C-alpha atoms as a PDB file:
ATOM      1  CA  MET A   1     -82.582 186.028 180.425  1.00  0.00           C
ATOM      2  CA  ALA A   2     -81.321 185.004 183.852  1.00  0.00           C
ATOM      3  CA  ALA A   3     -77.976 186.090 185.201  1.00  0.00           C
ATOM      4  CA  SER A   4     -75.165 184.247 183.440  1.00  0.00           C
ATOM      5  CA  GLU A   5     -73.491 183.632 186.760  1.00  0.00           C
ATOM      6  CA  ILE A   6     -74.018 184.350 190.459  1.00  0.00           C
ATOM      7  CA  ARG A   7     -70.953 184.767 192.654  1.00  0.00           C
ATOM      8  CA  GLU A   8     -71.063 184.816 196.446  1.00  0.00           C
ATOM      9  CA  LEU A   9     -68.302 187.285 197.348  1.00  0.00           C
ATOM     10  CA  SER A  10     -67.197 188.888 200.595  1.00  0.00           C
ATOM     11  CA  ASP A  11     -65.313 192.106 201.221  1.00  0.00           C
ATOM     12  CA  PRO A  12     -62.593 191.526 203.840  1.00  0.00           C
ATOM     13  CA  SER A  13     -62.136 195.280 204.324  1.00  0.00           C
ATOM     14  CA  ARG A  14     -65.590 195.570 205.950  1.00  0.00           C
ATOM     15  CA  PRO A  15     -67.085 193.595 208.847  1.00  0.00           C
ATOM     16  CA  HIS A  16     -70.413 191.800 208.521  1.00  0.00           C
ATOM     17  CA  HIS A  17     -71.874 193.800 211.469  1.00  0.00           C
ATOM     18  CA  THR A  18     -74.566 191.245 212.283  1.00  0.00           C
ATOM     19  CA  GLU A  19     -72.531 188.038 212.066  1.00  0.00           C
ATOM     20  CA  ALA A  20     -68.879 187.060 212.260  1.00  0.00           C
ATOM     21  CA  GLY A  21     -66.828 187.524 209.114  1.00  0.00           C
ATOM     22  CA  PRO A  22     -66.566 190.013 206.251  1.00  0.00           C
ATOM     23  CA  ARG A  23     -69.419 191.774 204.476  1.00  0.00           C
ATOM     24  CA  PRO A  24     -71.196 189.546 201.911  1.00  0.00           C
ATOM     25  CA  VAL A  25     -71.654 190.896 198.380  1.00  0.00           C
ATOM     26  CA  ARG A  26     -73.670 188.729 195.976  1.00  0.00           C
ATOM     27  CA  LEU A  27     -72.828 189.461 192.351  1.00  0.00           C
ATOM     28  CA  HIS A  28     -75.217 188.709 189.482  1.00  0.00           C
ATOM     29  CA  LEU A  29     -73.239 188.752 186.251  1.00  0.00           C
ATOM     30  CA  HIS A  30     -74.916 189.089 182.853  1.00  0.00           C
ATOM     31  CA  ARG A  31     -72.593 188.424 179.931  1.00  0.00           C
ATOM     32  CA  PRO A  32     -73.031 189.713 176.387  1.00  0.00           C
ATOM     33  CA  GLN A  33     -73.393 187.177 173.581  1.00  0.00           C
ATOM     34  CA  ARG A  34     -70.056 188.066 172.087  1.00  0.00           C
ATOM     35  CA  PRO A  35     -67.201 187.180 174.445  1.00  0.00           C
ATOM     36  CA  GLY A  36     -64.196 189.400 174.998  1.00  0.00           C
ATOM     37  CA  HIS A  37     -63.487 192.974 176.024  1.00  0.00           C
ATOM     38  CA  ALA A  38     -66.797 194.720 176.785  1.00  0.00           C
ATOM     39  CA  PRO A  39     -67.900 197.920 178.527  1.00  0.00           C
ATOM     40  CA  LEU A  40     -69.294 197.293 181.999  1.00  0.00           C
ATOM     41  CA  GLY A  41     -72.551 198.442 183.563  1.00  0.00           C
ATOM     42  CA  LEU A  42     -72.793 198.387 187.370  1.00  0.00           C
ATOM     43  CA  LEU A  43     -76.393 198.187 188.638  1.00  0.00           C
ATOM     44  CA  SER A  44     -77.833 198.958 192.080  1.00  0.00           C
ATOM     45  CA  HIS A  45     -81.352 198.040 193.218  1.00  0.00           C
ATOM     46  CA  GLY A  46     -83.699 200.037 195.417  1.00  0.00           C
ATOM     47  CA  THR A  47     -84.565 199.608 199.097  1.00  0.00           C
ATOM     48  CA  GLY A  48     -85.644 196.056 199.873  1.00  0.00           C
ATOM     49  CA  GLY A  49     -85.221 194.994 196.250  1.00  0.00           C
ATOM     50  CA  SER A  50     -82.632 192.735 194.679  1.00  0.00           C
ATOM     51  CA  ALA A  51     -80.397 192.393 191.652  1.00  0.00           C
ATOM     52  CA  GLU A  52     -83.205 190.348 190.071  1.00  0.00           C
ATOM     53  CA  GLN A  53     -85.474 193.409 190.190  1.00  0.00           C
ATOM     54  CA  MET A  54     -82.969 195.173 187.898  1.00  0.00           C
ATOM     55  CA  ALA A  55     -83.386 192.537 185.175  1.00  0.00           C
ATOM     56  CA  TRP A  56     -85.478 195.037 183.175  1.00  0.00           C
ATOM     57  CA  LEU A  57     -82.214 196.956 182.661  1.00  0.00           C
ATOM     58  CA  ALA A  58     -79.578 194.220 182.961  1.00  0.00           C
ATOM     59  CA  GLU A  59     -81.012 192.149 180.125  1.00  0.00           C
ATOM     60  CA  PRO A  60     -81.227 194.917 177.477  1.00  0.00           C
ATOM     61  CA  LEU A  61     -77.699 196.047 178.379  1.00  0.00           C
ATOM     62  CA  ALA A  62     -76.312 192.513 178.005  1.00  0.00           C
ATOM     63  CA  GLU A  63     -78.168 192.098 174.707  1.00  0.00           C
ATOM     64  CA  ALA A  64     -76.594 195.364 173.527  1.00  0.00           C
ATOM     65  CA  GLY A  65     -73.093 194.027 174.192  1.00  0.00           C
ATOM     66  CA  PHE A  66     -72.393 195.174 177.748  1.00  0.00           C
ATOM     67  CA  LEU A  67     -71.053 193.097 180.590  1.00  0.00           C
ATOM     68  CA  VAL A  68     -73.491 193.765 183.455  1.00  0.00           C
ATOM     69  CA  ALA A  69     -72.808 193.420 187.179  1.00  0.00           C
ATOM     70  CA  ALA A  70     -75.774 193.765 189.536  1.00  0.00           C
ATOM     71  CA  VAL A  71     -75.483 193.173 193.267  1.00  0.00           C
ATOM     72  CA  ASP A  72     -77.672 192.252 196.216  1.00  0.00           C
ATOM     73  CA  HIS A  73     -76.850 194.915 198.819  1.00  0.00           C
ATOM     74  CA  HIS A  74     -76.565 192.984 202.074  1.00  0.00           C
ATOM     75  CA  GLY A  75     -79.102 193.948 204.746  1.00  0.00           C
ATOM     76  CA  ASN A  76     -81.246 195.728 202.162  1.00  0.00           C
ATOM     77  CA  ASN A  77     -82.613 193.036 199.861  1.00  0.00           C
ATOM     78  CA  TYR A  78     -85.541 190.652 200.011  1.00  0.00           C
ATOM     79  CA  ARG A  79     -83.421 187.546 199.442  1.00  0.00           C
ATOM     80  CA  ASP A  80     -81.493 187.905 202.696  1.00  0.00           C
ATOM     81  CA  GLY A  81     -83.735 190.243 204.665  1.00  0.00           C
ATOM     82  CA  ALA A  82     -83.347 193.783 205.949  1.00  0.00           C
ATOM     83  CA  THR A  83     -81.297 195.180 208.813  1.00  0.00           C
ATOM     84  CA  LEU A  84     -81.179 198.668 210.251  1.00  0.00           C
ATOM     85  CA  ARG A  85     -77.647 199.188 208.989  1.00  0.00           C
ATOM     86  CA  GLY A  86     -78.620 197.862 205.574  1.00  0.00           C
ATOM     87  CA  PHE A  87     -81.422 200.405 205.389  1.00  0.00           C
ATOM     88  CA  ALA A  88     -79.753 203.414 206.982  1.00  0.00           C
ATOM     89  CA  PHE A  89     -76.004 203.144 206.352  1.00  0.00           C
ATOM     90  CA  TRP A  90     -76.016 204.136 202.695  1.00  0.00           C
ATOM     91  CA  ALA A  91     -72.224 204.299 202.434  1.00  0.00           C
ATOM     92  CA  ASP A  92     -72.035 200.508 202.123  1.00  0.00           C
ATOM     93  CA  ARG A  93     -73.798 200.629 198.767  1.00  0.00           C
ATOM     94  CA  PRO A  94     -71.260 202.492 196.576  1.00  0.00           C
ATOM     95  CA  ARG A  95     -68.527 200.562 198.351  1.00  0.00           C
ATOM     96  CA  ASP A  96     -70.244 197.314 197.286  1.00  0.00           C
ATOM     97  CA  LEU A  97     -70.039 198.378 193.635  1.00  0.00           C
ATOM     98  CA  SER A  98     -66.443 199.573 193.883  1.00  0.00           C
ATOM     99  CA  PHE A  99     -65.554 196.239 195.494  1.00  0.00           C
ATOM    100  CA  VAL A 100     -67.272 194.346 192.662  1.00  0.00           C
ATOM    101  CA  LEU A 101     -65.412 196.483 190.136  1.00  0.00           C
ATOM    102  CA  ASP A 102     -62.096 195.575 191.792  1.00  0.00           C
ATOM    103  CA  HIS A 103     -63.093 191.911 191.611  1.00  0.00           C
ATOM    104  CA  LEU A 104     -64.043 192.041 187.933  1.00  0.00           C
ATOM    105  CA  LEU A 105     -61.003 194.021 186.811  1.00  0.00           C
ATOM    106  CA  GLU A 106     -58.824 191.238 188.210  1.00  0.00           C
ATOM    107  CA  ARG A 107     -60.737 188.435 186.470  1.00  0.00           C
ATOM    108  CA  GLU A 108     -62.581 189.714 183.391  1.00  0.00           C
ATOM    109  CA  GLN A 109     -61.874 191.656 180.223  1.00  0.00           C
ATOM    110  CA  VAL A 110     -63.527 194.921 181.267  1.00  0.00           C
ATOM    111  CA  GLY A 111     -63.852 198.049 179.156  1.00  0.00           C
ATOM    112  CA  PRO A 112     -65.088 201.498 180.232  1.00  0.00           C
ATOM    113  CA  VAL A 113     -67.453 201.509 183.218  1.00  0.00           C
ATOM    114  CA  GLY A 114     -70.828 203.136 183.849  1.00  0.00           C
ATOM    115  CA  ALA A 115     -73.263 202.869 186.763  1.00  0.00           C
ATOM    116  CA  ALA A 116     -77.049 202.945 186.975  1.00  0.00           C
ATOM    117  CA  GLY A 117     -79.537 202.495 189.771  1.00  0.00           C
ATOM    118  CA  PHE A 118     -83.138 202.839 190.850  1.00  0.00           C
ATOM    119  CA  SER A 119     -84.375 204.683 193.967  1.00  0.00           C
ATOM    120  CA  LEU A 120     -81.746 204.103 196.679  1.00  0.00           C
ATOM    121  CA  GLY A 121     -79.757 202.498 193.886  1.00  0.00           C
ATOM    122  CA  GLY A 122     -79.945 205.874 192.189  1.00  0.00           C
ATOM    123  CA  TYR A 123     -78.135 207.328 195.195  1.00  0.00           C
ATOM    124  CA  THR A 124     -75.558 204.535 194.828  1.00  0.00           C
ATOM    125  CA  ALA A 125     -74.814 205.424 191.210  1.00  0.00           C
ATOM    126  CA  ALA A 126     -74.792 209.144 192.054  1.00  0.00           C
ATOM    127  CA  ALA A 127     -72.300 208.568 194.873  1.00  0.00           C
ATOM    128  CA  LEU A 128     -69.948 206.798 192.483  1.00  0.00           C
ATOM    129  CA  ALA A 129     -70.214 209.850 190.233  1.00  0.00           C
ATOM    130  CA  GLY A 130     -69.238 212.142 193.104  1.00  0.00           C
ATOM    131  CA  VAL A 131     -72.490 213.177 194.808  1.00  0.00           C
ATOM    132  CA  ARG A 132     -72.167 213.534 198.586  1.00  0.00           C
ATOM    133  CA  LEU A 133     -74.666 213.640 201.427  1.00  0.00           C
ATOM    134  CA  ALA A 134     -74.924 216.644 203.737  1.00  0.00           C
ATOM    135  CA  ARG A 135     -73.723 216.014 207.273  1.00  0.00           C
ATOM    136  CA  ARG A 136     -76.160 218.210 209.224  1.00  0.00           C
ATOM    137  CA  PRO A 137     -79.399 216.412 208.296  1.00  0.00           C
ATOM    138  CA  ILE A 138     -77.716 213.072 209.039  1.00  0.00           C
ATOM    139  CA  GLU A 139     -76.755 214.275 212.508  1.00  0.00           C
ATOM    140  CA  ALA A 140     -80.270 215.635 213.013  1.00  0.00           C
ATOM    141  CA  ALA A 141     -81.810 212.313 211.957  1.00  0.00           C
ATOM    142  CA  LEU A 142     -79.689 210.449 214.479  1.00  0.00           C
ATOM    143  CA  ARG A 143     -80.997 212.817 217.183  1.00  0.00           C
ATOM    144  CA  GLY A 144     -84.579 212.264 216.077  1.00  0.00           C
ATOM    145  CA  GLU A 145     -84.874 215.838 214.788  1.00  0.00           C
ATOM    146  CA  TYR A 146     -85.136 215.038 211.080  1.00  0.00           C
ATOM    147  CA  PRO A 147     -87.880 212.857 209.585  1.00  0.00           C
ATOM    148  CA  LEU A 148     -86.755 209.588 208.063  1.00  0.00           C
ATOM    149  CA  PRO A 149     -88.769 207.794 205.386  1.00  0.00           C
ATOM    150  CA  SER A 150     -90.693 204.726 206.485  1.00  0.00           C
ATOM    151  CA  PRO A 151     -91.061 202.641 203.339  1.00  0.00           C
ATOM    152  CA  PRO A 152     -93.117 199.451 203.423  1.00  0.00           C
ATOM    153  CA  GLU A 153     -89.900 197.460 202.960  1.00  0.00           C
ATOM    154  CA  TYR A 154     -88.552 198.760 206.307  1.00  0.00           C
ATOM    155  CA  PRO A 155     -91.046 200.865 208.272  1.00  0.00           C
ATOM    156  CA  THR A 156     -89.253 201.466 211.612  1.00  0.00           C
ATOM    157  CA  PRO A 157     -85.799 203.000 211.010  1.00  0.00           C
ATOM    158  CA  ALA A 158     -86.348 206.127 213.113  1.00  0.00           C
ATOM    159  CA  GLU A 159     -87.424 204.213 216.219  1.00  0.00           C
ATOM    160  CA  GLU A 160     -84.593 201.715 215.895  1.00  0.00           C
ATOM    161  CA  LEU A 161     -81.934 204.385 215.397  1.00  0.00           C
ATOM    162  CA  LEU A 162     -83.073 206.298 218.467  1.00  0.00           C
ATOM    163  CA  ALA A 163     -82.960 203.110 220.525  1.00  0.00           C
ATOM    164  CA  LEU A 164     -79.273 202.588 219.778  1.00  0.00           C
ATOM    165  CA  PRO A 165     -76.593 203.850 222.164  1.00  0.00           C
ATOM    166  CA  ALA A 166     -74.918 207.009 220.866  1.00  0.00           C
ATOM    167  CA  GLU A 167     -71.554 205.301 220.458  1.00  0.00           C
ATOM    168  CA  ALA A 168     -73.063 202.820 217.977  1.00  0.00           C
ATOM    169  CA  THR A 169     -73.598 205.561 215.398  1.00  0.00           C
ATOM    170  CA  ASP A 170     -71.200 208.314 216.436  1.00  0.00           C
ATOM    171  CA  THR A 171     -69.043 207.835 213.317  1.00  0.00           C
ATOM    172  CA  TRP A 172     -71.978 207.536 210.914  1.00  0.00           C
ATOM    173  CA  PRO A 173     -72.299 211.241 209.966  1.00  0.00           C
ATOM    174  CA  GLN A 174     -68.658 211.438 208.978  1.00  0.00           C
ATOM    175  CA  GLN A 175     -68.760 208.187 207.027  1.00  0.00           C
ATOM    176  CA  LEU A 176     -72.085 208.878 205.327  1.00  0.00           C
ATOM    177  CA  ALA A 177     -71.098 212.396 204.295  1.00  0.00           C
ATOM    178  CA  ALA A 178     -67.695 211.298 203.002  1.00  0.00           C
ATOM    179  CA  GLY A 179     -67.027 211.088 199.289  1.00  0.00           C
ATOM    180  CA  HIS A 180     -67.502 207.697 197.647  1.00  0.00           C
ATOM    181  CA  ALA A 181     -66.694 208.677 194.073  1.00  0.00           C
ATOM    182  CA  ASP A 182     -64.950 206.061 191.967  1.00  0.00           C
ATOM    183  CA  PRO A 183     -62.854 207.650 189.197  1.00  0.00           C
ATOM    184  CA  ARG A 184     -63.167 204.472 187.130  1.00  0.00           C
ATOM    185  CA  VAL A 185     -66.907 205.093 186.694  1.00  0.00           C
ATOM    186  CA  ARG A 186     -67.260 207.354 183.676  1.00  0.00           C
ATOM    187  CA  CYS A 187     -70.992 208.054 183.716  1.00  0.00           C
ATOM    188  CA  ALA A 188     -74.150 207.410 185.733  1.00  0.00           C
ATOM    189  CA  PHE A 189     -77.865 207.007 184.985  1.00  0.00           C
ATOM    190  CA  LEU A 190     -80.213 207.617 187.926  1.00  0.00           C
ATOM    191  CA  VAL A 191     -83.833 206.418 187.951  1.00  0.00           C
ATOM    192  CA  ALA A 192     -86.038 208.023 190.629  1.00  0.00           C
ATOM    193  CA  PRO A 193     -82.937 208.580 192.787  1.00  0.00           C
ATOM    194  CA  ALA A 194     -83.486 208.742 196.545  1.00  0.00           C
ATOM    195  CA  LEU A 195     -81.355 211.778 197.333  1.00  0.00           C
ATOM    196  CA  GLY A 196     -84.016 214.127 198.618  1.00  0.00           C
ATOM    197  CA  GLU A 197     -83.196 216.815 201.122  1.00  0.00           C
ATOM    198  CA  ILE A 198     -79.969 215.250 202.356  1.00  0.00           C
ATOM    199  CA  VAL A 199     -77.905 215.664 199.198  1.00  0.00           C
ATOM    200  CA  ASP A 200     -75.066 218.166 199.664  1.00  0.00           C
ATOM    201  CA  THR A 201     -75.707 220.769 196.983  1.00  0.00           C
ATOM    202  CA  GLY A 202     -72.753 222.760 198.313  1.00  0.00           C
ATOM    203  CA  ALA A 203     -70.322 220.014 197.255  1.00  0.00           C
ATOM    204  CA  PRO A 204     -71.326 219.221 193.665  1.00  0.00           C
ATOM    205  CA  ALA A 205     -70.061 216.185 191.822  1.00  0.00           C
ATOM    206  CA  ARG A 206     -67.116 216.584 189.510  1.00  0.00           C
ATOM    207  CA  PRO A 207     -68.237 218.527 186.419  1.00  0.00           C
ATOM    208  CA  GLY A 208     -67.844 216.753 183.124  1.00  0.00           C
ATOM    209  CA  ARG A 209     -68.841 213.278 184.267  1.00  0.00           C
ATOM    210  CA  PRO A 210     -72.036 212.596 182.283  1.00  0.00           C
ATOM    211  CA  VAL A 211     -75.134 211.971 184.407  1.00  0.00           C
ATOM    212  CA  ALA A 212     -78.734 211.431 183.314  1.00  0.00           C
ATOM    213  CA  VAL A 213     -81.710 211.499 185.690  1.00  0.00           C
ATOM    214  CA  ARG A 214     -85.272 210.247 185.223  1.00  0.00           C
ATOM    215  CA  TRP A 215     -88.231 210.673 187.554  1.00  0.00           C
ATOM    216  CA  SER A 216     -92.028 210.536 187.578  1.00  0.00           C
ATOM    217  CA  ASP A 217     -94.388 213.375 188.380  1.00  0.00           C
ATOM    218  CA  ALA A 218     -96.680 210.902 190.176  1.00  0.00           C
ATOM    219  CA  ASP A 219     -93.967 209.461 192.425  1.00  0.00           C
ATOM    220  CA  THR A 220     -94.911 209.770 196.102  1.00  0.00           C
ATOM    221  CA  VAL A 221     -91.906 207.788 197.388  1.00  0.00           C
ATOM    222  CA  VAL A 222     -89.289 209.953 195.681  1.00  0.00           C
ATOM    223  CA  PRO A 223     -91.230 213.170 194.953  1.00  0.00           C
ATOM    224  CA  PRO A 224     -90.193 214.935 191.756  1.00  0.00           C
ATOM    225  CA  GLY A 225     -89.375 218.139 193.614  1.00  0.00           C
ATOM    226  CA  THR A 226     -86.677 216.414 195.619  1.00  0.00           C
ATOM    227  CA  VAL A 227     -85.178 214.916 192.470  1.00  0.00           C
ATOM    228  CA  ARG A 228     -85.076 218.308 190.761  1.00  0.00           C
ATOM    229  CA  ARG A 229     -83.378 219.755 193.830  1.00  0.00           C
ATOM    230  CA  SER A 230     -80.718 217.059 193.703  1.00  0.00           C
ATOM    231  CA  LEU A 231     -79.821 218.185 190.174  1.00  0.00           C
ATOM    232  CA  ASP A 232     -78.047 221.129 191.853  1.00  0.00           C
ATOM    233  CA  ALA A 233     -75.430 218.632 193.018  1.00  0.00           C
ATOM    234  CA  LEU A 234     -74.978 217.295 189.479  1.00  0.00           C
ATOM    235  CA  PRO A 235     -73.461 219.995 187.235  1.00  0.00           C
ATOM    236  CA  GLY A 236     -74.507 219.460 183.644  1.00  0.00           C
ATOM    237  CA  ALA A 237     -76.835 216.550 184.386  1.00  0.00           C
ATOM    238  CA  GLU A 238     -79.573 215.885 181.867  1.00  0.00           C
ATOM    239  CA  GLY A 239     -82.935 215.117 183.477  1.00  0.00           C
ATOM    240  CA  ARG A 240     -86.616 214.790 182.709  1.00  0.00           C
ATOM    241  CA  SER A 241     -89.847 213.214 183.870  1.00  0.00           C
ATOM    242  CA  VAL A 242     -90.917 209.913 182.345  1.00  0.00           C
ATOM    243  CA  GLY A 243     -94.592 210.725 182.739  1.00  0.00           C
ATOM    244  CA  ALA A 244     -97.332 212.283 184.786  1.00  0.00           C
ATOM    245  CA  ASP A 245     -98.858 209.002 186.012  1.00  0.00           C
ATOM    246  CA  VAL A 246     -95.921 206.609 186.462  1.00  0.00           C
ATOM    247  CA  ASP A 247     -95.724 205.022 189.915  1.00  0.00           C
ATOM    248  CA  HIS A 248     -92.413 204.689 191.754  1.00  0.00           C
ATOM    249  CA  TYR A 249     -92.757 200.915 191.779  1.00  0.00           C
ATOM    250  CA  ALA A 250     -93.200 200.774 188.015  1.00  0.00           C
ATOM    251  CA  PHE A 251     -89.424 200.232 187.989  1.00  0.00           C
ATOM    252  CA  LEU A 252     -89.712 196.863 189.683  1.00  0.00           C
ATOM    253  CA  CYS A 253     -90.021 194.047 187.172  1.00  0.00           C
ATOM    254  CA  ARG A 254     -91.471 191.358 189.432  1.00  0.00           C
ATOM    255  CA  ALA A 255     -94.201 191.264 192.079  1.00  0.00           C
ATOM    256  CA  ASP A 256     -96.416 188.529 193.476  1.00  0.00           C
ATOM    257  CA  PRO A 257    -100.130 188.828 192.646  1.00  0.00           C
ATOM    258  CA  ASP A 258    -100.924 189.735 196.262  1.00  0.00           C
ATOM    259  CA  SER A 259     -98.136 192.346 196.458  1.00  0.00           C
ATOM    260  CA  PRO A 260     -99.168 196.012 196.863  1.00  0.00           C
ATOM    261  CA  PHE A 261     -96.782 196.753 193.981  1.00  0.00           C
ATOM    262  CA  HIS A 262     -98.329 194.250 191.555  1.00  0.00           C
ATOM    263  CA  ASP A 263    -100.466 196.713 189.584  1.00  0.00           C
ATOM    264  CA  ALA A 264     -97.644 199.246 189.292  1.00  0.00           C
ATOM    265  CA  VAL A 265     -95.270 196.557 188.055  1.00  0.00           C
ATOM    266  CA  ARG A 266     -97.715 195.374 185.380  1.00  0.00           C
ATOM    267  CA  ALA A 267     -98.490 198.896 184.220  1.00  0.00           C
ATOM    268  CA  GLY A 268     -94.833 199.865 184.216  1.00  0.00           C
ATOM    269  CA  ALA A 269     -93.596 197.496 181.501  1.00  0.00           C
ATOM    270  CA  PRO A 270     -93.707 200.106 178.685  1.00  0.00           C
ATOM    271  CA  VAL A 271     -91.909 202.801 180.683  1.00  0.00           C
ATOM    272  CA  ARG A 272     -89.257 200.323 181.844  1.00  0.00           C
ATOM    273  CA  ALA A 273     -88.621 199.387 178.226  1.00  0.00           C
ATOM    274  CA  ARG A 274     -88.306 203.038 177.194  1.00  0.00           C
ATOM    275  CA  VAL A 275     -85.951 203.934 180.013  1.00  0.00           C
ATOM    276  CA  ALA A 276     -83.857 200.795 179.444  1.00  0.00           C
ATOM    277  CA  ALA A 277     -83.433 201.833 175.807  1.00  0.00           C
ATOM    278  CA  GLU A 278     -82.328 205.281 176.976  1.00  0.00           C
ATOM    279  CA  VAL A 279     -79.768 203.763 179.342  1.00  0.00           C
ATOM    280  CA  VAL A 280     -78.385 201.582 176.543  1.00  0.00           C
ATOM    281  CA  GLU A 281     -78.002 204.618 174.287  1.00  0.00           C
ATOM    282  CA  PHE A 282     -76.524 206.718 177.120  1.00  0.00           C
ATOM    283  CA  PHE A 283     -73.926 204.044 177.926  1.00  0.00           C
ATOM    284  CA  ARG A 284     -73.111 203.542 174.240  1.00  0.00           C
ATOM    285  CA  ARG A 285     -72.497 207.254 173.877  1.00  0.00           C
ATOM    286  CA  HIS A 286     -70.269 207.633 176.915  1.00  0.00           C
ATOM    287  CA  LEU A 287     -68.556 204.240 177.167  1.00  0.00           C
ATOM    288  CA  ARG A 288     -67.021 204.066 173.709  1.00  0.00           C
END
């Protein structure tokens, strides 16, 4: 099932940063069969992915009666390409979803709201639930004193950040470590969330907001130890591994035959189906 509708939006409160004009936000809307007031699921893709790569979750949610809003995070998706800011300035991601929520509340019959995301999209959903990043490792990364990941989707962030003049990023630590919680989001489901060592465990998310976390023991992109550590920032979160041999990229639903992720995507169909069913049940339970 393809997205029911694609809307090309722009957020006038944020500049584009690479071109003139406001920040683009592409919305992929999946509607349930039955029209009318429906709970809403906000979905966030991983680094270099797209809203289309979240179809494995968007489609079961829509079939279960949810209105589903997935976005293409500008500067960090394969449809429009990657930019350094798109990769490194994570704060734009939860703001994209809050902006989309504003848009939908003005135009649609929207019920209670939940968020879910994969990898860096897991951070996005966690941020909406109240998780914050720690300022010190961000400052250290900008000085070249803290290792940054170099995923195949964007392998040179450290070199590019160090090449920037200091004034270009001097406000980043404050903005990245700020809170991006959205009180309208009642619950969050995180799949292999990229929080790692930079999550602020000293400023836990608001207790009582239901959060579920899933990870894989074989994940080398988001190692399970870092996910378990991030649970300290999520009081009361329910988490578990989805298997000992599940690859990180099993949670992509599309890959070209010559893609390095192709085998993981093919093998991951059963685990995607299981986790999607868990998200549906989780949202049903908490978005009554």
